[in-house]
Protein backbone atom coordinates (compact mmCIF):
# COMPACT_ATOMS: atom_id res chain seq x y z
CA MET A 1 92.70 23.33 -114.02
CA ALA A 2 93.01 19.97 -115.77
CA ARG A 3 95.72 17.55 -114.78
CA PRO A 4 98.72 18.07 -117.11
CA VAL A 5 99.41 14.32 -117.33
CA LEU A 6 96.93 11.45 -117.19
CA LEU A 7 97.76 7.85 -116.30
CA ASP A 8 95.39 5.03 -117.19
CA VAL A 9 96.11 1.32 -116.80
CA ASP A 10 94.00 -1.28 -118.55
CA ASN A 11 94.81 -4.87 -119.44
CA GLN A 12 98.49 -4.49 -118.45
CA ILE A 13 98.93 -1.43 -120.71
CA ALA A 14 99.73 1.91 -119.09
CA VAL A 15 98.82 4.94 -121.16
CA ILE A 16 100.46 8.19 -120.10
CA THR A 17 98.79 11.15 -121.81
CA LEU A 18 100.27 14.63 -122.00
CA ASN A 19 97.18 16.69 -121.23
CA ARG A 20 97.70 20.34 -122.12
CA PRO A 21 95.91 20.40 -125.47
CA GLU A 22 95.21 24.14 -125.19
CA ARG A 23 99.02 24.62 -125.31
CA ARG A 24 99.60 21.71 -127.73
CA ASN A 25 100.99 19.73 -124.78
CA ALA A 26 103.91 22.13 -124.39
CA ILE A 27 106.28 21.17 -121.60
CA ASN A 28 106.20 23.20 -118.40
CA GLN A 29 107.30 22.35 -114.87
CA GLN A 30 103.96 20.85 -113.78
CA LEU A 31 103.78 18.62 -116.86
CA LEU A 32 107.33 17.39 -116.21
CA ILE A 33 106.62 16.72 -112.52
CA ARG A 34 103.50 14.69 -113.38
CA LEU A 35 105.28 12.87 -116.22
CA TYR A 36 108.15 11.93 -113.88
CA ASP A 37 105.62 10.79 -111.25
CA ALA A 38 103.72 8.69 -113.82
CA LEU A 39 106.94 7.01 -114.99
CA ASP A 40 107.89 6.27 -111.38
CA ALA A 41 104.44 4.78 -110.79
CA VAL A 42 104.45 2.45 -113.80
CA THR A 43 108.01 1.33 -113.08
CA VAL A 44 106.99 -0.22 -109.76
CA ARG A 45 103.61 -1.60 -110.84
CA ASP A 46 103.53 -5.35 -111.40
CA ASP A 47 100.26 -5.10 -113.35
CA VAL A 48 101.89 -3.03 -116.15
CA ARG A 49 103.76 -4.75 -118.98
CA VAL A 50 104.06 -1.90 -121.49
CA VAL A 51 103.86 1.90 -121.38
CA ILE A 52 102.48 4.12 -124.13
CA ILE A 53 103.05 7.88 -124.02
CA THR A 54 100.76 10.02 -126.16
CA GLY A 55 99.32 13.51 -126.30
CA ASN A 56 95.77 14.79 -125.90
CA GLY A 57 94.43 16.86 -128.78
CA PRO A 58 95.88 17.62 -132.21
CA SER A 59 99.55 17.55 -131.12
CA PHE A 60 101.80 15.03 -129.43
CA CYS A 61 103.99 17.74 -127.91
CA ALA A 62 105.04 21.21 -129.05
CA GLY A 63 108.26 21.19 -127.02
CA LEU A 64 109.01 23.62 -124.23
CA ASP A 65 106.32 26.08 -123.24
CA LEU A 66 107.99 29.37 -124.11
CA GLY A 67 106.12 31.05 -121.26
CA ALA A 68 107.84 28.73 -118.77
CA ILE A 69 111.41 29.43 -119.89
CA GLY A 70 113.23 31.45 -117.26
CA LYS A 71 110.24 31.32 -114.92
CA GLU A 72 109.96 27.64 -114.05
CA ASN A 73 112.47 24.95 -113.13
CA LEU A 74 112.54 22.86 -116.30
CA PHE A 75 115.92 21.24 -115.64
CA ASP A 76 115.14 19.70 -112.25
CA PRO A 77 111.36 20.08 -111.93
CA ARG A 78 110.96 17.94 -108.79
CA GLU A 79 114.22 19.27 -107.33
CA ASP A 80 115.36 15.69 -106.68
CA GLY A 81 118.08 15.46 -109.33
CA SER A 82 116.17 13.03 -111.54
CA ASP A 83 115.83 13.60 -115.26
CA LEU A 84 113.63 12.15 -117.96
CA PRO A 85 116.21 9.96 -119.76
CA ASP A 86 117.23 8.36 -116.45
CA LEU A 87 113.61 7.69 -115.47
CA MET A 88 112.92 6.10 -118.86
CA ARG A 89 116.03 3.92 -118.58
CA ALA A 90 115.02 2.89 -115.06
CA CYS A 91 111.60 1.77 -116.26
CA ASN A 92 111.66 -2.00 -116.66
CA LYS A 93 108.93 -1.97 -119.30
CA PRO A 94 108.99 -1.06 -122.99
CA ILE A 95 107.96 2.57 -123.52
CA ILE A 96 106.27 3.38 -126.82
CA ALA A 97 105.52 6.83 -128.20
CA ALA A 98 102.11 7.06 -129.85
CA VAL A 99 102.84 10.26 -131.77
CA ASN A 100 99.48 11.79 -132.65
CA GLY A 101 100.25 14.97 -134.52
CA HIS A 102 102.91 17.62 -134.14
CA ALA A 103 106.12 16.67 -132.35
CA ILE A 104 108.27 19.80 -132.30
CA THR A 105 111.69 20.46 -130.71
CA GLY A 106 111.58 18.75 -127.28
CA GLY A 107 108.36 17.05 -128.35
CA PHE A 108 110.31 15.45 -131.19
CA GLU A 109 113.15 14.46 -128.86
CA LEU A 110 110.82 12.82 -126.33
CA PRO A 111 110.07 9.73 -128.48
CA LEU A 112 113.76 9.38 -129.30
CA LYS A 113 114.47 8.76 -125.60
CA MET A 114 112.02 5.86 -125.38
CA ARG A 115 112.99 2.20 -125.38
CA SER A 116 110.82 1.32 -128.37
CA SER A 117 110.21 2.95 -131.73
CA PRO A 118 107.55 5.62 -132.15
CA ILE A 119 104.31 4.38 -133.68
CA PRO A 120 101.44 6.27 -135.29
CA MET A 121 98.20 6.57 -133.33
CA SER A 122 96.38 4.51 -135.98
CA ALA A 123 98.45 1.50 -134.93
CA LEU A 124 96.99 1.59 -131.40
CA ALA A 125 93.68 0.23 -132.68
CA SER A 126 95.40 -2.90 -133.97
CA ILE A 127 97.40 -3.28 -130.75
CA ARG A 128 94.24 -3.21 -128.65
CA ALA A 129 92.34 -5.40 -131.11
CA GLY A 130 95.02 -8.08 -130.89
CA GLU A 131 94.87 -8.43 -127.09
């Protein structure tokens, strides 16, 4: 099974990729756990100056995975009391949503929680080119 969230750091830019393209990056407990872990990791890294969250495949995020509702712990996925808005606020770096396709329900709300405005994927080329 592929990792539900990927974290890559290059040239002080952390890219967190939602990686469930077969489910249009729908949110389940494992995706949330790995997303929380990735945010924790970039928060403490001195070699990261900005965070970009994007999705793999044709969708940014389709919201909650309907198959996970009532079966998985989506409200406290790590069972440590942390939640996504708090982790994003705790991150001391700008967080940018690179919305690459559909952003539905919770997938639409995700970029609204970030510290910077959502940007289209086409803008990433100019960000990297201007390094």
